[in-house]
C-alpha atoms as a PDB file:
ATOM      1  CA  MET A   1      23.469 -17.742 -36.371  1.00  0.00           C
ATOM      2  CA  THR A   2      22.652 -21.322 -35.873  1.00  0.00           C
ATOM      3  CA  ASP A   3      19.505 -22.661 -34.343  1.00  0.00           C
ATOM      4  CA  LYS A   4      21.414 -23.674 -31.223  1.00  0.00           C
ATOM      5  CA  GLU A   5      22.707 -20.136 -30.626  1.00  0.00           C
ATOM      6  CA  ILE A   6      19.262 -18.690 -31.170  1.00  0.00           C
ATOM      7  CA  GLN A   7      17.759 -21.200 -28.745  1.00  0.00           C
ATOM      8  CA  GLU A   8      20.417 -20.353 -26.120  1.00  0.00           C
ATOM      9  CA  LYS A   9      19.679 -16.628 -26.441  1.00  0.00           C
ATOM     10  CA  ILE A  10      15.950 -17.228 -26.155  1.00  0.00           C
ATOM     11  CA  THR A  11      16.513 -19.350 -23.042  1.00  0.00           C
ATOM     12  CA  LYS A  12      18.758 -16.647 -21.554  1.00  0.00           C
ATOM     13  CA  TYR A  13      16.146 -13.948 -22.144  1.00  0.00           C
ATOM     14  CA  ASP A  14      13.403 -16.176 -20.778  1.00  0.00           C
ATOM     15  CA  LEU A  15      15.378 -16.624 -17.552  1.00  0.00           C
ATOM     16  CA  LEU A  16      16.019 -12.883 -17.298  1.00  0.00           C
ATOM     17  CA  PHE A  17      12.334 -12.169 -17.874  1.00  0.00           C
ATOM     18  CA  GLU A  18      11.304 -14.693 -15.220  1.00  0.00           C
ATOM     19  CA  SER A  19      13.696 -13.191 -12.661  1.00  0.00           C
ATOM     20  CA  ARG A  20      12.417  -9.678 -13.365  1.00  0.00           C
ATOM     21  CA  LEU A  21       8.830 -10.866 -13.166  1.00  0.00           C
ATOM     22  CA  THR A  22       9.537 -12.506  -9.797  1.00  0.00           C
ATOM     23  CA  ARG A  23      11.044  -9.268  -8.456  1.00  0.00           C
ATOM     24  CA  VAL A  24       8.056  -7.252  -9.695  1.00  0.00           C
ATOM     25  CA  GLU A  25       5.616  -9.680  -8.046  1.00  0.00           C
ATOM     26  CA  ALA A  26       7.532  -9.474  -4.762  1.00  0.00           C
ATOM     27  CA  THR A  27       7.460  -5.678  -4.932  1.00  0.00           C
ATOM     28  CA  CYS A  28       3.717  -5.693  -5.646  1.00  0.00           C
ATOM     29  CA  ASP A  29       3.103  -7.954  -2.642  1.00  0.00           C
ATOM     30  CA  HIS A  30       5.135  -5.607  -0.450  1.00  0.00           C
ATOM     31  CA  LEU A  31       3.186  -2.583  -1.757  1.00  0.00           C
ATOM     32  CA  ASN A  32      -0.144  -4.321  -1.099  1.00  0.00           C
ATOM     33  CA  LYS A  33       0.850  -5.010   2.514  1.00  0.00           C
ATOM     34  CA  THR A  34       2.041  -1.423   2.950  1.00  0.00           C
ATOM     35  CA  CYS A  35      -1.200  -0.104   1.462  1.00  0.00           C
ATOM     36  CA  ASP A  36      -3.247  -2.220   3.889  1.00  0.00           C
ATOM     37  CA  GLU A  37      -1.209  -0.892   6.822  1.00  0.00           C
ATOM     38  CA  LEU A  38      -1.731   2.690   5.642  1.00  0.00           C
ATOM     39  CA  LYS A  39      -5.488   2.149   5.357  1.00  0.00           C
ATOM     40  CA  SER A  40      -5.573   0.859   8.907  1.00  0.00           C
ATOM     41  CA  ASP A  41      -3.512   3.808  10.172  1.00  0.00           C
ATOM     42  CA  LEU A  42      -5.710   6.305   8.342  1.00  0.00           C
ATOM     43  CA  ARG A  43      -8.856   4.760   9.814  1.00  0.00           C
ATOM     44  CA  TRP A  44      -7.423   5.125  13.326  1.00  0.00           C
ATOM     45  CA  LEU A  45      -6.415   8.708  12.602  1.00  0.00           C
ATOM     46  CA  MET A  46      -9.884   9.592  11.303  1.00  0.00           C
ATOM     47  CA  LYS A  47     -11.501   8.043  14.384  1.00  0.00           C
ATOM     48  CA  ILE A  48      -9.238  10.117  16.634  1.00  0.00           C
ATOM     49  CA  PHE A  49     -10.044  13.315  14.707  1.00  0.00           C
ATOM     50  CA  VAL A  50     -13.794  12.697  14.766  1.00  0.00           C
ATOM     51  CA  GLY A  51     -13.674  11.880  18.469  1.00  0.00           C
ATOM     52  CA  GLY A  52     -11.644  15.026  19.159  1.00  0.00           C
ATOM     53  CA  PHE A  53     -14.040  17.223  17.224  1.00  0.00           C
ATOM     54  CA  LEU A  54     -17.023  15.728  19.041  1.00  0.00           C
ATOM     55  CA  ILE A  55     -15.377  16.324  22.407  1.00  0.00           C
ATOM     56  CA  LEU A  56     -14.503  19.881  21.385  1.00  0.00           C
ATOM     57  CA  ALA A  57     -18.083  20.500  20.235  1.00  0.00           C
ATOM     58  CA  GLY A  58     -19.383  19.114  23.527  1.00  0.00           C
ATOM     59  CA  LEU A  59     -17.051  21.353  25.525  1.00  0.00           C
ATOM     60  CA  MET A  60     -18.062  24.390  23.497  1.00  0.00           C
ATOM     61  CA  ALA A  61     -21.763  23.560  23.950  1.00  0.00           C
ATOM     62  CA  ARG A  62     -21.215  23.189  27.670  1.00  0.00           C
ATOM     63  CA  GLY A  63     -19.180  26.406  27.880  1.00  0.00           C
ATOM     64  CA  PHE A  64     -21.726  28.469  25.973  1.00  0.00           C
ATOM     65  CA  HIS A  65     -24.584  26.876  27.990  1.00  0.00           C
ATOM     66  CA  TRP A  66     -26.164  25.381  24.893  1.00  0.00           C
ATOM     67  CA  PHE A  67     -26.447  22.057  26.585  1.00  0.00           C
END
């Protein structure tokens, strides 16, 4: 192999590596956004559950004349 062929192969692999790296970075950005959305959804869900349990506890206290 000549130096020119070796240099062409190195350039080809560098371009392939850069394209793969770009795709991985785009996927990571998408996963970060999805993770943030899931955190927000889980926070809302936990607030709803806590509120529901508090209302249920209040109704039970009222029904059993604890309050």
